[in-house]
Amino acid sequence: MMKKKIVVLGSLNTDFVADVSRLPVEGESMLANGFGIVPGGKGANQAIGAAKLGREVVILGKTGNDYDSNVVYDTFKKEHVLTHGLRRDSRSLTGKAYLHVLKDAESTITILPGANLHLLPEDILSREHLFKGCGYCLISTEIPEETVIQALKTAKKH
């Protein structure tokens, strides 16, 4: 069976990850055991995961026009995710997520959506050609609801 292309829509973030032994309480400052900055967001994670399975993957989303957007684009290139559906939004920052991760992998997350909130139904319609020949469409809901609905309609059409 021919492997069909996968279209992915969802959030694109820079994740700031602090490894902690416990979560801080209100008003407390505490030391982290480790720290990392990595590309993230549910859309980015799904796209990279699908590409690692050897599938042709195209991502639809928005980043800011900032340093973090360069990291997102570079990561997708390295992971063989097609970026024809990405756009930079000069009005906002690339999304950010701030994570406190415990040893057992439980975490708390604070999200600054940034450009993810500027992915609009019109963006889906203007990139409808990317859905042609698509076998699957993965959508996460950290983008505007009306954009999710338009993406579902467009995916069903193709």
N, C-alpha and C. Protein backbone atom coordinates (compact mmCIF):
# COMPACT_ATOMS: atom_id res chain seq x y z
N MET A 1 0.85 -1.19 0.00
CA MET A 1 0.00 0.00 0.00
C MET A 1 0.89 1.25 0.00
N MET A 2 0.55 2.17 -0.88
CA MET A 2 1.33 3.40 -0.97
C MET A 2 1.17 4.22 0.31
N LYS A 3 2.27 4.73 0.83
CA LYS A 3 2.21 5.57 2.02
C LYS A 3 1.71 6.95 1.65
N LYS A 4 0.60 7.34 2.23
CA LYS A 4 0.04 8.65 1.92
C LYS A 4 0.59 9.69 2.87
N LYS A 5 0.60 10.91 2.37
CA LYS A 5 1.09 12.05 3.13
C LYS A 5 0.23 12.30 4.36
N ILE A 6 0.86 12.83 5.41
CA ILE A 6 0.17 13.21 6.64
C ILE A 6 0.26 14.72 6.79
N VAL A 7 -0.88 15.35 6.97
CA VAL A 7 -0.94 16.78 7.25
C VAL A 7 -1.15 16.94 8.75
N VAL A 8 -0.36 17.81 9.37
CA VAL A 8 -0.46 18.04 10.82
C VAL A 8 -0.73 19.52 11.06
N LEU A 9 -1.73 19.80 11.90
CA LEU A 9 -2.03 21.16 12.35
C LEU A 9 -1.99 21.17 13.87
N GLY A 10 -1.37 22.18 14.41
CA GLY A 10 -1.35 22.29 15.86
C GLY A 10 -0.37 23.33 16.33
N SER A 11 -0.18 23.36 17.62
CA SER A 11 0.66 24.39 18.21
C SER A 11 2.14 24.11 17.96
N LEU A 12 2.87 25.20 17.81
CA LEU A 12 4.33 25.18 17.63
C LEU A 12 4.90 26.07 18.71
N ASN A 13 5.71 25.51 19.59
CA ASN A 13 6.22 26.25 20.74
C ASN A 13 7.71 26.05 20.91
N THR A 14 8.27 26.88 21.73
CA THR A 14 9.58 26.64 22.32
C THR A 14 9.29 26.23 23.76
N ASP A 15 9.77 25.06 24.15
CA ASP A 15 9.56 24.56 25.51
C ASP A 15 10.76 24.87 26.39
N PHE A 16 10.50 25.48 27.53
CA PHE A 16 11.51 25.75 28.54
C PHE A 16 11.25 24.77 29.68
N VAL A 17 12.14 23.78 29.84
CA VAL A 17 11.88 22.66 30.73
C VAL A 17 12.84 22.69 31.92
N ALA A 18 12.25 22.78 33.12
CA ALA A 18 13.04 22.74 34.35
C ALA A 18 12.77 21.41 35.05
N ASP A 19 13.83 20.65 35.31
CA ASP A 19 13.71 19.42 36.10
C ASP A 19 13.77 19.80 37.57
N VAL A 20 12.73 19.44 38.32
CA VAL A 20 12.62 19.82 39.72
C VAL A 20 12.29 18.61 40.58
N SER A 21 12.66 18.69 41.85
CA SER A 21 12.35 17.60 42.78
C SER A 21 10.94 17.71 43.33
N ARG A 22 10.39 18.91 43.30
CA ARG A 22 9.01 19.16 43.70
C ARG A 22 8.58 20.47 43.07
N LEU A 23 7.29 20.73 43.06
CA LEU A 23 6.80 21.97 42.48
C LEU A 23 6.92 23.09 43.50
N PRO A 24 7.28 24.28 43.06
CA PRO A 24 7.35 25.41 43.99
C PRO A 24 5.95 25.79 44.47
N VAL A 25 5.90 26.36 45.66
CA VAL A 25 4.63 26.87 46.18
C VAL A 25 4.59 28.37 45.95
N GLU A 26 3.43 28.94 46.08
CA GLU A 26 3.25 30.36 45.83
C GLU A 26 4.27 31.21 46.59
N GLY A 27 4.92 32.10 45.86
CA GLY A 27 5.90 33.01 46.46
C GLY A 27 7.28 32.42 46.66
N GLU A 28 7.47 31.16 46.34
CA GLU A 28 8.76 30.50 46.58
C GLU A 28 9.64 30.51 45.35
N SER A 29 10.92 30.71 45.57
CA SER A 29 11.93 30.50 44.53
C SER A 29 12.67 29.23 44.91
N MET A 30 12.96 28.40 43.94
CA MET A 30 13.67 27.16 44.24
C MET A 30 14.63 26.84 43.11
N LEU A 31 15.59 26.00 43.40
CA LEU A 31 16.60 25.61 42.42
C LEU A 31 16.11 24.44 41.59
N ALA A 32 16.46 24.45 40.32
CA ALA A 32 16.16 23.33 39.42
C ALA A 32 17.36 22.39 39.39
N ASN A 33 17.08 21.12 39.09
CA ASN A 33 18.14 20.11 38.97
C ASN A 33 18.74 20.10 37.57
N GLY A 34 18.01 20.64 36.61
CA GLY A 34 18.46 20.68 35.22
C GLY A 34 17.51 21.57 34.42
N PHE A 35 17.93 21.92 33.22
CA PHE A 35 17.12 22.82 32.40
C PHE A 35 17.41 22.56 30.93
N GLY A 36 16.39 22.69 30.10
CA GLY A 36 16.57 22.54 28.66
C GLY A 36 15.61 23.42 27.89
N ILE A 37 16.00 23.77 26.70
CA ILE A 37 15.14 24.51 25.78
C ILE A 37 15.02 23.66 24.52
N VAL A 38 13.79 23.27 24.20
CA VAL A 38 13.57 22.38 23.06
C VAL A 38 12.34 22.81 22.27
N PRO A 39 12.31 22.53 20.98
CA PRO A 39 11.08 22.79 20.23
C PRO A 39 9.98 21.89 20.75
N GLY A 40 8.76 22.40 20.76
CA GLY A 40 7.64 21.61 21.25
C GLY A 40 6.33 22.12 20.74
N GLY A 41 5.29 21.79 21.45
CA GLY A 41 3.93 22.05 21.02
C GLY A 41 3.37 20.76 20.45
N LYS A 42 2.08 20.53 20.65
CA LYS A 42 1.49 19.27 20.21
C LYS A 42 1.60 19.06 18.70
N GLY A 43 1.42 20.11 17.92
CA GLY A 43 1.55 19.98 16.47
C GLY A 43 2.96 19.59 16.06
N ALA A 44 3.93 20.28 16.62
CA ALA A 44 5.33 19.97 16.30
C ALA A 44 5.69 18.55 16.72
N ASN A 45 5.26 18.16 17.92
CA ASN A 45 5.58 16.81 18.41
C ASN A 45 4.96 15.73 17.53
N GLN A 46 3.70 15.94 17.10
CA GLN A 46 3.04 14.96 16.23
C GLN A 46 3.73 14.88 14.88
N ALA A 47 4.08 16.02 14.30
CA ALA A 47 4.72 16.04 12.99
C ALA A 47 6.07 15.32 13.03
N ILE A 48 6.86 15.62 14.02
CA ILE A 48 8.18 14.99 14.13
C ILE A 48 8.04 13.49 14.38
N GLY A 49 7.10 13.10 15.23
CA GLY A 49 6.86 11.68 15.50
C GLY A 49 6.47 10.92 14.24
N ALA A 50 5.56 11.49 13.45
CA ALA A 50 5.13 10.84 12.22
C ALA A 50 6.27 10.76 11.21
N ALA A 51 7.07 11.81 11.11
CA ALA A 51 8.21 11.80 10.18
C ALA A 51 9.24 10.74 10.59
N LYS A 52 9.41 10.53 11.89
CA LYS A 52 10.36 9.52 12.35
C LYS A 52 9.89 8.11 12.00
N LEU A 53 8.60 7.96 11.69
CA LEU A 53 8.08 6.67 11.24
C LEU A 53 8.26 6.48 9.74
N GLY A 54 8.91 7.45 9.11
CA GLY A 54 9.20 7.34 7.69
C GLY A 54 8.11 7.86 6.78
N ARG A 55 7.17 8.61 7.32
CA ARG A 55 6.08 9.14 6.51
C ARG A 55 6.41 10.52 5.97
N GLU A 56 5.78 10.88 4.84
CA GLU A 56 5.87 12.24 4.34
C GLU A 56 4.91 13.08 5.15
N VAL A 57 5.43 14.12 5.81
CA VAL A 57 4.63 14.94 6.72
C VAL A 57 4.78 16.40 6.35
N VAL A 58 3.64 17.09 6.29
CA VAL A 58 3.66 18.54 6.10
C VAL A 58 2.96 19.17 7.30
N ILE A 59 3.57 20.20 7.85
CA ILE A 59 3.03 20.90 9.03
C ILE A 59 2.36 22.20 8.59
N LEU A 60 1.20 22.49 9.16
CA LEU A 60 0.53 23.78 8.97
C LEU A 60 0.51 24.47 10.31
N GLY A 61 0.97 25.71 10.36
CA GLY A 61 0.97 26.44 11.62
C GLY A 61 1.58 27.80 11.44
N LYS A 62 1.69 28.49 12.57
CA LYS A 62 2.30 29.82 12.58
C LYS A 62 3.31 29.92 13.70
N THR A 63 4.40 30.61 13.38
CA THR A 63 5.39 30.98 14.37
C THR A 63 5.43 32.50 14.40
N GLY A 64 6.16 33.04 15.35
CA GLY A 64 6.43 34.46 15.33
C GLY A 64 7.51 34.73 14.30
N ASN A 65 7.96 35.95 14.26
CA ASN A 65 9.09 36.30 13.39
C ASN A 65 10.26 36.64 14.31
N ASP A 66 10.67 35.65 15.10
CA ASP A 66 11.67 35.83 16.14
C ASP A 66 12.71 34.72 16.06
N TYR A 67 13.67 34.75 16.96
CA TYR A 67 14.72 33.74 16.98
C TYR A 67 14.13 32.34 17.12
N ASP A 68 13.13 32.18 17.99
CA ASP A 68 12.54 30.86 18.21
C ASP A 68 11.95 30.28 16.93
N SER A 69 11.45 31.13 16.05
CA SER A 69 10.90 30.62 14.79
C SER A 69 11.99 29.96 13.96
N ASN A 70 13.20 30.51 14.00
CA ASN A 70 14.32 29.90 13.27
C ASN A 70 14.62 28.51 13.81
N VAL A 71 14.55 28.35 15.12
CA VAL A 71 14.80 27.04 15.73
C VAL A 71 13.73 26.04 15.29
N VAL A 72 12.47 26.48 15.25
CA VAL A 72 11.37 25.62 14.82
C VAL A 72 11.61 25.16 13.38
N TYR A 73 11.88 26.10 12.48
CA TYR A 73 12.12 25.75 11.07
C TYR A 73 13.32 24.82 10.94
N ASP A 74 14.41 25.11 11.64
CA ASP A 74 15.61 24.27 11.56
C ASP A 74 15.35 22.86 12.06
N THR A 75 14.56 22.76 13.13
CA THR A 75 14.24 21.44 13.68
C THR A 75 13.42 20.63 12.68
N PHE A 76 12.42 21.26 12.06
CA PHE A 76 11.61 20.54 11.07
C PHE A 76 12.47 20.09 9.89
N LYS A 77 13.39 20.93 9.46
CA LYS A 77 14.26 20.55 8.35
C LYS A 77 15.10 19.33 8.73
N LYS A 78 15.67 19.36 9.93
CA LYS A 78 16.50 18.25 10.41
C LYS A 78 15.69 16.96 10.53
N GLU A 79 14.42 17.09 10.91
CA GLU A 79 13.57 15.91 11.12
C GLU A 79 12.77 15.52 9.87
N HIS A 80 13.03 16.18 8.74
CA HIS A 80 12.39 15.87 7.46
C HIS A 80 10.88 16.10 7.46
N VAL A 81 10.46 17.19 8.12
CA VAL A 81 9.06 17.62 8.09
C VAL A 81 8.98 18.77 7.09
N LEU A 82 8.06 18.66 6.14
CA LEU A 82 7.89 19.70 5.12
C LEU A 82 7.24 20.92 5.74
N THR A 83 7.76 22.08 5.44
CA THR A 83 7.30 23.33 6.07
C THR A 83 6.52 24.23 5.12
N HIS A 84 5.99 23.67 4.03
CA HIS A 84 5.24 24.48 3.06
C HIS A 84 4.03 25.16 3.70
N GLY A 85 3.52 24.61 4.78
CA GLY A 85 2.32 25.16 5.42
C GLY A 85 2.60 26.09 6.57
N LEU A 86 3.87 26.38 6.85
CA LEU A 86 4.22 27.29 7.95
C LEU A 86 4.30 28.73 7.46
N ARG A 87 3.92 29.62 8.33
CA ARG A 87 4.07 31.05 8.06
C ARG A 87 4.57 31.74 9.33
N ARG A 88 5.33 32.79 9.13
CA ARG A 88 5.77 33.62 10.25
C ARG A 88 4.78 34.77 10.41
N ASP A 89 4.41 35.05 11.64
CA ASP A 89 3.47 36.13 11.95
C ASP A 89 4.26 37.24 12.64
N SER A 90 4.38 38.38 11.99
CA SER A 90 5.18 39.48 12.53
C SER A 90 4.51 40.17 13.72
N ARG A 91 3.24 39.85 13.99
CA ARG A 91 2.51 40.50 15.08
C ARG A 91 2.71 39.85 16.44
N SER A 92 3.34 38.68 16.48
CA SER A 92 3.44 37.99 17.76
C SER A 92 4.70 37.14 17.85
N LEU A 93 4.92 36.62 19.02
CA LEU A 93 6.06 35.73 19.27
C LEU A 93 5.68 34.29 18.93
N THR A 94 6.68 33.47 18.69
CA THR A 94 6.47 32.04 18.61
C THR A 94 5.94 31.58 19.98
N GLY A 95 5.02 30.63 19.98
CA GLY A 95 4.46 30.13 21.24
C GLY A 95 5.55 29.64 22.18
N LYS A 96 5.26 29.73 23.47
CA LYS A 96 6.21 29.30 24.51
C LYS A 96 5.48 28.42 25.51
N ALA A 97 6.17 27.44 26.05
CA ALA A 97 5.63 26.60 27.12
C ALA A 97 6.71 26.50 28.20
N TYR A 98 6.28 26.70 29.44
CA TYR A 98 7.18 26.66 30.59
C TYR A 98 6.78 25.46 31.45
N LEU A 99 7.68 24.48 31.52
CA LEU A 99 7.37 23.22 32.18
C LEU A 99 8.22 23.03 33.43
N HIS A 100 7.59 22.55 34.49
CA HIS A 100 8.28 22.03 35.66
C HIS A 100 8.04 20.52 35.63
N VAL A 101 9.11 19.74 35.50
CA VAL A 101 8.97 18.30 35.36
C VAL A 101 9.58 17.60 36.58
N LEU A 102 8.78 16.75 37.20
CA LEU A 102 9.22 15.97 38.35
C LEU A 102 9.91 14.68 37.90
N LYS A 103 10.60 14.00 38.82
CA LYS A 103 11.33 12.77 38.50
C LYS A 103 10.43 11.69 37.90
N ASP A 104 9.18 11.62 38.35
CA ASP A 104 8.26 10.60 37.84
C ASP A 104 7.56 11.04 36.55
N ALA A 105 8.03 12.12 35.96
CA ALA A 105 7.55 12.68 34.68
C ALA A 105 6.24 13.45 34.80
N GLU A 106 5.68 13.57 36.01
CA GLU A 106 4.53 14.46 36.18
C GLU A 106 5.03 15.88 35.95
N SER A 107 4.14 16.75 35.45
CA SER A 107 4.58 18.10 35.15
C SER A 107 3.46 19.11 35.29
N THR A 108 3.84 20.35 35.39
CA THR A 108 2.91 21.47 35.26
C THR A 108 3.41 22.31 34.09
N ILE A 109 2.48 22.88 33.36
CA ILE A 109 2.84 23.62 32.15
C ILE A 109 2.09 24.94 32.12
N THR A 110 2.80 26.01 31.82
CA THR A 110 2.20 27.31 31.57
C THR A 110 2.49 27.65 30.11
N ILE A 111 1.45 28.01 29.36
CA ILE A 111 1.61 28.24 27.92
C ILE A 111 1.32 29.69 27.57
N LEU A 112 2.21 30.27 26.77
CA LEU A 112 1.99 31.56 26.13
C LEU A 112 1.74 31.22 24.65
N PRO A 113 0.48 31.27 24.17
CA PRO A 113 0.16 30.76 22.84
C PRO A 113 0.84 31.50 21.69
N GLY A 114 1.05 32.80 21.82
CA GLY A 114 1.72 33.56 20.76
C GLY A 114 1.05 33.39 19.41
N ALA A 115 1.85 33.12 18.39
CA ALA A 115 1.36 33.03 17.02
C ALA A 115 0.37 31.90 16.79
N ASN A 116 0.35 30.91 17.67
CA ASN A 116 -0.62 29.81 17.51
C ASN A 116 -2.05 30.33 17.44
N LEU A 117 -2.34 31.41 18.15
CA LEU A 117 -3.69 31.97 18.13
C LEU A 117 -4.00 32.72 16.84
N HIS A 118 -2.99 32.93 16.00
CA HIS A 118 -3.18 33.65 14.74
C HIS A 118 -3.28 32.70 13.54
N LEU A 119 -3.34 31.39 13.81
CA LEU A 119 -3.60 30.42 12.74
C LEU A 119 -5.11 30.41 12.53
N LEU A 120 -5.56 30.95 11.41
CA LEU A 120 -6.97 31.22 11.17
C LEU A 120 -7.54 30.34 10.06
N PRO A 121 -8.87 30.23 9.97
CA PRO A 121 -9.48 29.44 8.89
C PRO A 121 -8.99 29.84 7.50
N GLU A 122 -8.75 31.14 7.30
CA GLU A 122 -8.24 31.60 6.01
C GLU A 122 -6.88 30.98 5.67
N ASP A 123 -6.08 30.72 6.72
CA ASP A 123 -4.78 30.09 6.50
C ASP A 123 -4.95 28.66 5.99
N ILE A 124 -5.97 27.98 6.46
CA ILE A 124 -6.24 26.62 6.00
C ILE A 124 -6.71 26.67 4.54
N LEU A 125 -7.64 27.57 4.26
CA LEU A 125 -8.17 27.68 2.90
C LEU A 125 -7.08 28.05 1.90
N SER A 126 -6.17 28.92 2.29
CA SER A 126 -5.10 29.33 1.36
C SER A 126 -4.05 28.24 1.17
N ARG A 127 -4.07 27.22 2.00
CA ARG A 127 -3.12 26.10 1.87
C ARG A 127 -3.86 24.79 1.58
N GLU A 128 -5.07 24.90 1.07
CA GLU A 128 -5.88 23.71 0.80
C GLU A 128 -5.14 22.72 -0.10
N HIS A 129 -4.33 23.20 -1.01
CA HIS A 129 -3.59 22.31 -1.92
C HIS A 129 -2.72 21.30 -1.17
N LEU A 130 -2.31 21.62 0.06
CA LEU A 130 -1.48 20.71 0.83
C LEU A 130 -2.24 19.47 1.28
N PHE A 131 -3.57 19.54 1.29
CA PHE A 131 -4.40 18.40 1.69
C PHE A 131 -4.59 17.40 0.55
N LYS A 132 -4.33 17.79 -0.69
CA LYS A 132 -4.53 16.90 -1.83
C LYS A 132 -3.56 15.73 -1.73
N GLY A 133 -4.09 14.53 -1.88
CA GLY A 133 -3.28 13.33 -1.78
C GLY A 133 -2.95 12.94 -0.35
N CYS A 134 -3.56 13.62 0.58
CA CYS A 134 -3.32 13.36 2.00
C CYS A 134 -4.10 12.11 2.42
N GLY A 135 -3.46 11.26 3.20
CA GLY A 135 -4.13 10.08 3.73
C GLY A 135 -4.61 10.27 5.15
N TYR A 136 -3.95 11.18 5.86
CA TYR A 136 -4.26 11.40 7.27
C TYR A 136 -4.09 12.87 7.60
N CYS A 137 -4.83 13.30 8.60
CA CYS A 137 -4.70 14.67 9.10
C CYS A 137 -4.74 14.60 10.62
N LEU A 138 -3.66 15.02 11.24
CA LEU A 138 -3.59 15.07 12.70
C LEU A 138 -3.81 16.51 13.14
N ILE A 139 -4.73 16.72 14.06
CA ILE A 139 -5.05 18.06 14.52
C ILE A 139 -5.06 18.08 16.04
N SER A 140 -4.33 19.03 16.61
CA SER A 140 -4.42 19.25 18.05
C SER A 140 -5.18 20.54 18.27
N THR A 141 -5.75 20.70 19.43
CA THR A 141 -6.69 21.80 19.66
C THR A 141 -6.11 22.96 20.45
N GLU A 142 -4.82 23.18 20.33
CA GLU A 142 -4.21 24.37 20.94
C GLU A 142 -4.13 25.52 19.94
N ILE A 143 -5.02 25.48 18.97
CA ILE A 143 -5.18 26.53 17.97
C ILE A 143 -6.65 26.94 18.02
N PRO A 144 -7.03 28.06 17.40
CA PRO A 144 -8.43 28.49 17.49
C PRO A 144 -9.43 27.43 17.00
N GLU A 145 -10.54 27.32 17.71
CA GLU A 145 -11.55 26.30 17.40
C GLU A 145 -12.07 26.42 15.97
N GLU A 146 -12.29 27.63 15.48
CA GLU A 146 -12.79 27.80 14.12
C GLU A 146 -11.77 27.31 13.08
N THR A 147 -10.50 27.35 13.42
CA THR A 147 -9.46 26.84 12.53
C THR A 147 -9.48 25.32 12.51
N VAL A 148 -9.70 24.72 13.67
CA VAL A 148 -9.83 23.26 13.75
C VAL A 148 -11.00 22.81 12.89
N ILE A 149 -12.14 23.49 13.01
CA ILE A 149 -13.33 23.12 12.23
C ILE A 149 -13.05 23.24 10.73
N GLN A 150 -12.42 24.32 10.31
CA GLN A 150 -12.10 24.47 8.88
C GLN A 150 -11.15 23.38 8.41
N ALA A 151 -10.17 23.04 9.23
CA ALA A 151 -9.23 21.98 8.87
C ALA A 151 -9.94 20.63 8.74
N LEU A 152 -10.89 20.36 9.62
CA LEU A 152 -11.65 19.11 9.54
C LEU A 152 -12.46 19.05 8.25
N LYS A 153 -13.10 20.15 7.90
CA LYS A 153 -13.88 20.20 6.65
C LYS A 153 -12.97 20.01 5.44
N THR A 154 -11.82 20.66 5.46
CA THR A 154 -10.89 20.57 4.33
C THR A 154 -10.32 19.16 4.22
N ALA A 155 -9.95 18.56 5.34
CA ALA A 155 -9.42 17.20 5.32
C ALA A 155 -10.47 16.21 4.80
N LYS A 156 -11.71 16.36 5.24
CA LYS A 156 -12.78 15.46 4.80
C LYS A 156 -12.99 15.59 3.29
N LYS A 157 -12.92 16.80 2.78
CA LYS A 157 -13.09 17.05 1.35
C LYS A 157 -12.04 16.32 0.53
N HIS A 158 -10.81 16.20 1.07
CA HIS A 158 -9.72 15.59 0.33
C HIS A 158 -9.42 14.18 0.78
